[in-house]
């Protein structure tokens, strides 16, 4: 039971983080990753209820520059689920019943293990497919150059290529430290960054780095934070 409770609590932390940054993250993800030219967003209830209820991660009715309106459904997935295609098909049926609009569905995998979920169902008299992608395949440059630090942080989940992970992580912490924001808000970003780092399975193997010249508590916390990171990304 304790292990099960820990798993539930851990999942809740990641869900909470992505919900907090959802509005900004969705805009960047749609533009930079999906390449959709959206001109209008309408937020929809994330709880879908007819005779039963299901909860989505991100759900919007959007209109692109060509005037096409559709339902955009995005799920953030931390673990490989063998029945993910079935779950997404279930969502699709509910969304179709509720909105009677075209539906585009995406699952973004953020877990540390290799992604191995099915992205389709091929059954007698029924065929279904959604778009499945792994965050670790996305170039980190899509996020590291963002103005918002909550988006910049996501670079550590992407494909770093030849970039040095220490320098990437340190640049994120420095960006947080430079923000013109209350210390409490900066500390919130540092805590969010700690959560994201755990997805890359860092170990204690890091040299000391002084973060910024600020004298407030965040600088100390940031330095200590960097001490606990390992740049051996997968």
C-alpha atoms as a PDB file:
ATOM      1  CA  UNK A   1       0.000   0.000   0.000  1.00  0.00           C
ATOM      2  CA  UNK A   2       2.741   2.581   0.794  1.00  0.00           C
ATOM      3  CA  UNK A   3       4.297   1.990  -2.638  1.00  0.00           C
ATOM      4  CA  UNK A   4       0.927   2.433  -4.319  1.00  0.00           C
ATOM      5  CA  UNK A   5       0.317   5.656  -2.390  1.00  0.00           C
ATOM      6  CA  UNK A   6       3.752   6.928  -3.409  1.00  0.00           C
ATOM      7  CA  UNK A   7       3.018   6.199  -7.067  1.00  0.00           C
ATOM      8  CA  UNK A   8      -0.286   8.060  -6.863  1.00  0.00           C
ATOM      9  CA  UNK A   9       1.367  11.034  -5.153  1.00  0.00           C
ATOM     10  CA  UNK A  10       4.177  11.086  -7.722  1.00  0.00           C
ATOM     11  CA  UNK A  11       1.742  11.026 -10.629  1.00  0.00           C
ATOM     12  CA  UNK A  12      -0.260  13.826  -8.999  1.00  0.00           C
ATOM     13  CA  UNK A  13       2.881  15.996  -8.830  1.00  0.00           C
ATOM     14  CA  UNK A  14       3.520  15.720 -12.571  1.00  0.00           C
ATOM     15  CA  UNK A  15      -0.168  16.261 -13.381  1.00  0.00           C
ATOM     16  CA  UNK A  16      -0.226  19.372 -11.205  1.00  0.00           C
ATOM     17  CA  UNK A  17       2.919  20.780 -12.815  1.00  0.00           C
ATOM     18  CA  UNK A  18       1.642  20.413 -16.381  1.00  0.00           C
ATOM     19  CA  UNK A  19      -1.752  21.800 -15.426  1.00  0.00           C
ATOM     20  CA  UNK A  20      -0.039  24.866 -13.952  1.00  0.00           C
ATOM     21  CA  UNK A  21       1.850  25.591 -17.166  1.00  0.00           C
ATOM     22  CA  UNK A  22      -0.840  24.263 -19.512  1.00  0.00           C
ATOM     23  CA  UNK A  23      -1.984  27.560 -21.120  1.00  0.00           C
ATOM     24  CA  UNK A  24       1.529  28.683 -22.128  1.00  0.00           C
ATOM     25  CA  UNK A  25       2.785  25.163 -22.831  1.00  0.00           C
ATOM     26  CA  UNK A  26      -0.145  24.382 -25.137  1.00  0.00           C
ATOM     27  CA  UNK A  27       0.518  27.485 -27.238  1.00  0.00           C
ATOM     28  CA  UNK A  28       4.218  26.618 -27.660  1.00  0.00           C
ATOM     29  CA  UNK A  29       3.506  22.924 -28.268  1.00  0.00           C
ATOM     30  CA  UNK A  30       0.855  23.614 -30.903  1.00  0.00           C
ATOM     31  CA  UNK A  31       3.004  26.121 -32.760  1.00  0.00           C
ATOM     32  CA  UNK A  32       6.501  24.673 -32.451  1.00  0.00           C
ATOM     33  CA  UNK A  33       5.849  20.922 -32.326  1.00  0.00           C
ATOM     34  CA  UNK A  34       2.540  20.307 -34.107  1.00  0.00           C
ATOM     35  CA  UNK A  35       3.006  23.148 -36.588  1.00  0.00           C
ATOM     36  CA  UNK A  36      -0.653  24.191 -36.322  1.00  0.00           C
ATOM     37  CA  UNK A  37      -1.545  27.803 -37.086  1.00  0.00           C
ATOM     38  CA  UNK A  38      -4.249  28.326 -34.456  1.00  0.00           C
ATOM     39  CA  UNK A  39      -5.941  31.732 -34.273  1.00  0.00           C
ATOM     40  CA  UNK A  40      -8.649  30.996 -31.700  1.00  0.00           C
ATOM     41  CA  UNK A  41      -8.776  28.843 -28.564  1.00  0.00           C
ATOM     42  CA  UNK A  42     -11.833  27.980 -26.513  1.00  0.00           C
ATOM     43  CA  UNK A  43     -11.125  26.115 -23.288  1.00  0.00           C
ATOM     44  CA  UNK A  44     -13.444  23.166 -22.719  1.00  0.00           C
ATOM     45  CA  UNK A  45     -14.254  21.349 -19.511  1.00  0.00           C
ATOM     46  CA  UNK A  46     -11.631  18.691 -18.859  1.00  0.00           C
ATOM     47  CA  UNK A  47     -14.215  16.419 -17.248  1.00  0.00           C
ATOM     48  CA  UNK A  48     -16.294  14.655 -19.882  1.00  0.00           C
ATOM     49  CA  UNK A  49     -19.600  13.456 -18.530  1.00  0.00           C
ATOM     50  CA  UNK A  50     -22.588  11.869 -20.175  1.00  0.00           C
ATOM     51  CA  UNK A  51     -23.672   8.675 -18.445  1.00  0.00           C
ATOM     52  CA  UNK A  52     -20.111   8.415 -17.088  1.00  0.00           C
ATOM     53  CA  UNK A  53     -17.215  10.764 -16.460  1.00  0.00           C
ATOM     54  CA  UNK A  54     -13.637  10.878 -17.759  1.00  0.00           C
ATOM     55  CA  UNK A  55     -11.035  13.571 -17.152  1.00  0.00           C
ATOM     56  CA  UNK A  56      -8.636  14.856 -19.811  1.00  0.00           C
ATOM     57  CA  UNK A  57      -5.306  16.660 -19.410  1.00  0.00           C
ATOM     58  CA  UNK A  58      -5.869  19.405 -21.987  1.00  0.00           C
ATOM     59  CA  UNK A  59      -8.957  19.965 -24.096  1.00  0.00           C
ATOM     60  CA  UNK A  60      -9.648  22.917 -26.424  1.00  0.00           C
ATOM     61  CA  UNK A  61     -11.910  23.829 -29.299  1.00  0.00           C
ATOM     62  CA  UNK A  62      -9.627  25.595 -31.772  1.00  0.00           C
ATOM     63  CA  UNK A  63      -9.857  27.321 -35.121  1.00  0.00           C
ATOM     64  CA  UNK A  64      -6.859  27.517 -37.443  1.00  0.00           C
ATOM     65  CA  UNK A  65      -6.001  30.226 -39.970  1.00  0.00           C
ATOM     66  CA  UNK A  66      -7.842  28.335 -42.706  1.00  0.00           C
ATOM     67  CA  UNK A  67     -11.049  28.570 -40.717  1.00  0.00           C
ATOM     68  CA  UNK A  68     -11.123  24.884 -39.786  1.00  0.00           C
ATOM     69  CA  UNK A  69     -12.555  24.246 -36.313  1.00  0.00           C
ATOM     70  CA  UNK A  70     -11.760  21.058 -34.409  1.00  0.00           C
ATOM     71  CA  UNK A  71     -11.297  19.586 -30.954  1.00  0.00           C
ATOM     72  CA  UNK A  72      -7.660  19.489 -29.785  1.00  0.00           C
ATOM     73  CA  UNK A  73      -7.067  16.828 -27.148  1.00  0.00           C
ATOM     74  CA  UNK A  74      -3.641  16.401 -25.513  1.00  0.00           C
ATOM     75  CA  UNK A  75      -2.669  13.856 -22.863  1.00  0.00           C
ATOM     76  CA  UNK A  76       0.638  13.955 -20.958  1.00  0.00           C
ATOM     77  CA  UNK A  77       1.738  10.400 -20.194  1.00  0.00           C
ATOM     78  CA  UNK A  78       4.526   9.530 -17.739  1.00  0.00           C
ATOM     79  CA  UNK A  79       4.296   5.734 -17.988  1.00  0.00           C
ATOM     80  CA  UNK A  80       3.864   3.294 -20.833  1.00  0.00           C
ATOM     81  CA  UNK A  81       0.263   2.064 -20.865  1.00  0.00           C
ATOM     82  CA  UNK A  82      -0.458  -1.032 -22.916  1.00  0.00           C
ATOM     83  CA  UNK A  83      -4.100  -0.005 -23.245  1.00  0.00           C
ATOM     84  CA  UNK A  84      -3.416   3.635 -24.197  1.00  0.00           C
ATOM     85  CA  UNK A  85      -4.998   3.234 -27.619  1.00  0.00           C
ATOM     86  CA  UNK A  86      -8.162   1.891 -26.000  1.00  0.00           C
ATOM     87  CA  UNK A  87      -8.245   4.848 -23.593  1.00  0.00           C
ATOM     88  CA  UNK A  88      -7.810   7.350 -26.418  1.00  0.00           C
ATOM     89  CA  UNK A  89     -10.506   5.651 -28.475  1.00  0.00           C
ATOM     90  CA  UNK A  90     -12.799   5.919 -25.470  1.00  0.00           C
ATOM     91  CA  UNK A  91     -12.040   9.636 -25.233  1.00  0.00           C
ATOM     92  CA  UNK A  92     -12.673  10.033 -28.968  1.00  0.00           C
ATOM     93  CA  UNK A  93     -16.139   8.490 -28.739  1.00  0.00           C
ATOM     94  CA  UNK A  94     -17.120  10.730 -25.812  1.00  0.00           C
ATOM     95  CA  UNK A  95     -15.761  13.848 -27.536  1.00  0.00           C
ATOM     96  CA  UNK A  96     -17.594  12.973 -30.744  1.00  0.00           C
ATOM     97  CA  UNK A  97     -20.859  12.522 -28.875  1.00  0.00           C
ATOM     98  CA  UNK A  98     -20.465  15.825 -27.024  1.00  0.00           C
ATOM     99  CA  UNK A  99     -19.161  18.177 -29.737  1.00  0.00           C
ATOM    100  CA  UNK A 100     -19.804  16.642 -33.182  1.00  0.00           C
ATOM    101  CA  UNK A 101     -16.564  18.182 -34.478  1.00  0.00           C
ATOM    102  CA  UNK A 102     -13.386  16.737 -36.026  1.00  0.00           C
ATOM    103  CA  UNK A 103     -10.996  15.559 -33.304  1.00  0.00           C
ATOM    104  CA  UNK A 104      -7.200  15.609 -33.242  1.00  0.00           C
ATOM    105  CA  UNK A 105      -5.655  13.641 -30.395  1.00  0.00           C
ATOM    106  CA  UNK A 106      -2.067  13.634 -29.165  1.00  0.00           C
ATOM    107  CA  UNK A 107      -0.270  11.786 -26.393  1.00  0.00           C
ATOM    108  CA  UNK A 108       3.047  13.287 -25.284  1.00  0.00           C
ATOM    109  CA  UNK A 109       5.190  10.762 -23.408  1.00  0.00           C
ATOM    110  CA  UNK A 110       7.498  12.275 -20.766  1.00  0.00           C
ATOM    111  CA  UNK A 111       8.694   9.135 -18.956  1.00  0.00           C
ATOM    112  CA  UNK A 112      12.333   8.030 -18.550  1.00  0.00           C
ATOM    113  CA  UNK A 113      11.890   4.572 -20.091  1.00  0.00           C
ATOM    114  CA  UNK A 114      11.755   3.950 -23.825  1.00  0.00           C
ATOM    115  CA  UNK A 115       8.303   4.635 -25.210  1.00  0.00           C
ATOM    116  CA  UNK A 116       6.572   1.423 -26.276  1.00  0.00           C
ATOM    117  CA  UNK A 117       2.837   2.164 -26.247  1.00  0.00           C
ATOM    118  CA  UNK A 118       0.567   1.299 -29.183  1.00  0.00           C
ATOM    119  CA  UNK A 119      -0.752   4.253 -31.175  1.00  0.00           C
ATOM    120  CA  UNK A 120      -3.614   2.421 -32.886  1.00  0.00           C
ATOM    121  CA  UNK A 121      -6.335  -0.181 -32.690  1.00  0.00           C
ATOM    122  CA  UNK A 122      -6.988  -2.513 -35.597  1.00  0.00           C
ATOM    123  CA  UNK A 123      -9.923  -4.758 -34.738  1.00  0.00           C
ATOM    124  CA  UNK A 124     -12.636  -6.445 -36.801  1.00  0.00           C
ATOM    125  CA  UNK A 125     -14.984  -3.671 -37.959  1.00  0.00           C
ATOM    126  CA  UNK A 126     -13.081  -1.028 -35.986  1.00  0.00           C
ATOM    127  CA  UNK A 127      -9.909   0.938 -36.726  1.00  0.00           C
ATOM    128  CA  UNK A 128      -8.544   3.834 -34.682  1.00  0.00           C
ATOM    129  CA  UNK A 129      -5.325   5.838 -34.502  1.00  0.00           C
ATOM    130  CA  UNK A 130      -3.990   8.819 -32.540  1.00  0.00           C
ATOM    131  CA  UNK A 131      -0.660  10.687 -32.642  1.00  0.00           C
ATOM    132  CA  UNK A 132       1.933   9.472 -30.146  1.00  0.00           C
ATOM    133  CA  UNK A 133       5.229  11.262 -29.555  1.00  0.00           C
ATOM    134  CA  UNK A 134       8.035  11.217 -27.022  1.00  0.00           C
ATOM    135  CA  UNK A 135       9.254  14.445 -25.455  1.00  0.00           C
ATOM    136  CA  UNK A 136      12.826  13.116 -25.535  1.00  0.00           C
ATOM    137  CA  UNK A 137      12.682  13.165 -29.355  1.00  0.00           C
ATOM    138  CA  UNK A 138      11.868  16.886 -29.493  1.00  0.00           C
ATOM    139  CA  UNK A 139      14.834  19.251 -29.980  1.00  0.00           C
ATOM    140  CA  UNK A 140      15.549  21.068 -26.737  1.00  0.00           C
ATOM    141  CA  UNK A 141      15.950  24.308 -28.724  1.00  0.00           C
ATOM    142  CA  UNK A 142      12.184  24.472 -29.148  1.00  0.00           C
ATOM    143  CA  UNK A 143      11.963  25.299 -25.442  1.00  0.00           C
ATOM    144  CA  UNK A 144      15.286  26.667 -24.200  1.00  0.00           C
ATOM    145  CA  UNK A 145      14.883  29.920 -26.156  1.00  0.00           C
ATOM    146  CA  UNK A 146      11.385  30.653 -24.873  1.00  0.00           C
ATOM    147  CA  UNK A 147      10.904  33.876 -22.929  1.00  0.00           C
ATOM    148  CA  UNK A 148       8.811  32.177 -20.241  1.00  0.00           C
ATOM    149  CA  UNK A 149      10.896  30.188 -17.762  1.00  0.00           C
ATOM    150  CA  UNK A 150       8.099  27.641 -17.296  1.00  0.00           C
ATOM    151  CA  UNK A 151       8.596  26.699 -20.956  1.00  0.00           C
ATOM    152  CA  UNK A 152      12.389  27.053 -20.874  1.00  0.00           C
ATOM    153  CA  UNK A 153      12.486  24.412 -18.099  1.00  0.00           C
ATOM    154  CA  UNK A 154      11.005  21.805 -20.429  1.00  0.00           C
ATOM    155  CA  UNK A 155      14.216  21.834 -22.497  1.00  0.00           C
ATOM    156  CA  UNK A 156      15.755  19.294 -20.113  1.00  0.00           C
ATOM    157  CA  UNK A 157      13.113  16.763 -21.191  1.00  0.00           C
ATOM    158  CA  UNK A 158      13.986  17.178 -24.853  1.00  0.00           C
ATOM    159  CA  UNK A 159      16.750  15.865 -27.082  1.00  0.00           C
ATOM    160  CA  UNK A 160      19.909  17.737 -26.088  1.00  0.00           C
ATOM    161  CA  UNK A 161      21.903  16.520 -29.071  1.00  0.00           C
ATOM    162  CA  UNK A 162      25.498  17.672 -28.567  1.00  0.00           C
ATOM    163  CA  UNK A 163      24.608  20.279 -25.955  1.00  0.00           C
ATOM    164  CA  UNK A 164      26.140  19.954 -22.500  1.00  0.00           C
ATOM    165  CA  UNK A 165      23.394  19.055 -20.037  1.00  0.00           C
ATOM    166  CA  UNK A 166      25.143  20.883 -17.187  1.00  0.00           C
ATOM    167  CA  UNK A 167      25.197  24.132 -19.146  1.00  0.00           C
ATOM    168  CA  UNK A 168      21.589  23.714 -20.262  1.00  0.00           C
ATOM    169  CA  UNK A 169      20.371  23.101 -16.717  1.00  0.00           C
ATOM    170  CA  UNK A 170      22.455  25.912 -15.283  1.00  0.00           C
ATOM    171  CA  UNK A 171      21.167  28.362 -17.902  1.00  0.00           C
ATOM    172  CA  UNK A 172      17.605  27.517 -16.855  1.00  0.00           C
ATOM    173  CA  UNK A 173      18.351  28.126 -13.187  1.00  0.00           C
ATOM    174  CA  UNK A 174      20.097  31.401 -14.027  1.00  0.00           C
ATOM    175  CA  UNK A 175      17.087  32.487 -16.098  1.00  0.00           C
ATOM    176  CA  UNK A 176      14.823  31.799 -13.122  1.00  0.00           C
ATOM    177  CA  UNK A 177      17.180  33.747 -10.848  1.00  0.00           C
ATOM    178  CA  UNK A 178      17.141  36.766 -13.223  1.00  0.00           C
ATOM    179  CA  UNK A 179      13.351  36.957 -13.382  1.00  0.00           C
ATOM    180  CA  UNK A 180      11.736  40.108 -12.067  1.00  0.00           C
ATOM    181  CA  UNK A 181       9.381  38.175  -9.851  1.00  0.00           C
ATOM    182  CA  UNK A 182       8.833  37.588  -6.140  1.00  0.00           C
ATOM    183  CA  UNK A 183      11.164  35.111  -4.482  1.00  0.00           C
ATOM    184  CA  UNK A 184       8.173  32.856  -3.824  1.00  0.00           C
ATOM    185  CA  UNK A 185       7.462  32.655  -7.559  1.00  0.00           C
ATOM    186  CA  UNK A 186      11.103  31.881  -8.340  1.00  0.00           C
ATOM    187  CA  UNK A 187      11.149  29.201  -5.669  1.00  0.00           C
ATOM    188  CA  UNK A 188       8.061  27.691  -7.268  1.00  0.00           C
ATOM    189  CA  UNK A 189       9.919  27.463 -10.586  1.00  0.00           C
ATOM    190  CA  UNK A 190      12.909  25.813  -8.886  1.00  0.00           C
ATOM    191  CA  UNK A 191      10.602  23.251  -7.302  1.00  0.00           C
ATOM    192  CA  UNK A 192       8.976  22.594 -10.675  1.00  0.00           C
ATOM    193  CA  UNK A 193      12.430  22.116 -12.170  1.00  0.00           C
ATOM    194  CA  UNK A 194      13.287  19.593  -9.459  1.00  0.00           C
ATOM    195  CA  UNK A 195      10.198  17.588 -10.435  1.00  0.00           C
ATOM    196  CA  UNK A 196      11.100  17.636 -14.133  1.00  0.00           C
ATOM    197  CA  UNK A 197      14.689  16.583 -13.421  1.00  0.00           C
ATOM    198  CA  UNK A 198      13.430  13.410 -11.747  1.00  0.00           C
ATOM    199  CA  UNK A 199      11.960  12.338 -15.070  1.00  0.00           C
ATOM    200  CA  UNK A 200      15.495  12.117 -16.485  1.00  0.00           C
ATOM    201  CA  UNK A 201      16.790   9.987 -13.598  1.00  0.00           C
ATOM    202  CA  UNK A 202      19.650  12.207 -12.444  1.00  0.00           C
ATOM    203  CA  UNK A 203      22.090  10.930  -9.857  1.00  0.00           C
ATOM    204  CA  UNK A 204      24.260  12.752  -7.306  1.00  0.00           C
ATOM    205  CA  UNK A 205      27.295  13.552  -9.410  1.00  0.00           C
ATOM    206  CA  UNK A 206      27.615  17.274  -9.950  1.00  0.00           C
ATOM    207  CA  UNK A 207      30.224  19.929  -9.320  1.00  0.00           C
ATOM    208  CA  UNK A 208      29.372  23.113  -7.413  1.00  0.00           C
ATOM    209  CA  UNK A 209      28.186  26.066  -9.436  1.00  0.00           C
ATOM    210  CA  UNK A 210      27.367  29.489  -8.068  1.00  0.00           C
ATOM    211  CA  UNK A 211      24.084  30.612  -9.547  1.00  0.00           C
ATOM    212  CA  UNK A 212      23.914  34.355 -10.104  1.00  0.00           C
ATOM    213  CA  UNK A 213      25.069  37.069  -7.753  1.00  0.00           C
ATOM    214  CA  UNK A 214      21.731  37.439  -6.001  1.00  0.00           C
ATOM    215  CA  UNK A 215      21.892  37.348  -2.217  1.00  0.00           C
ATOM    216  CA  UNK A 216      18.418  36.024  -1.612  1.00  0.00           C
ATOM    217  CA  UNK A 217      17.591  32.469  -0.633  1.00  0.00           C
ATOM    218  CA  UNK A 218      16.873  31.354  -4.199  1.00  0.00           C
ATOM    219  CA  UNK A 219      20.534  31.635  -5.182  1.00  0.00           C
ATOM    220  CA  UNK A 220      21.557  29.277  -2.394  1.00  0.00           C
ATOM    221  CA  UNK A 221      18.759  26.859  -3.178  1.00  0.00           C
ATOM    222  CA  UNK A 222      19.638  26.949  -6.874  1.00  0.00           C
ATOM    223  CA  UNK A 223      23.287  26.172  -6.189  1.00  0.00           C
ATOM    224  CA  UNK A 224      22.325  23.297  -3.933  1.00  0.00           C
ATOM    225  CA  UNK A 225      19.916  22.136  -6.599  1.00  0.00           C
ATOM    226  CA  UNK A 226      22.672  22.002  -9.199  1.00  0.00           C
ATOM    227  CA  UNK A 227      24.842  20.028  -6.837  1.00  0.00           C
ATOM    228  CA  UNK A 228      22.341  17.198  -6.975  1.00  0.00           C
ATOM    229  CA  UNK A 229      22.123  16.825 -10.727  1.00  0.00           C
ATOM    230  CA  UNK A 230      23.842  14.424 -13.081  1.00  0.00           C
ATOM    231  CA  UNK A 231      24.349  15.310 -16.734  1.00  0.00           C
ATOM    232  CA  UNK A 232      24.250  11.661 -17.875  1.00  0.00           C
ATOM    233  CA  UNK A 233      21.016  12.003 -19.789  1.00  0.00           C
ATOM    234  CA  UNK A 234      19.591   9.095 -21.702  1.00  0.00           C
END
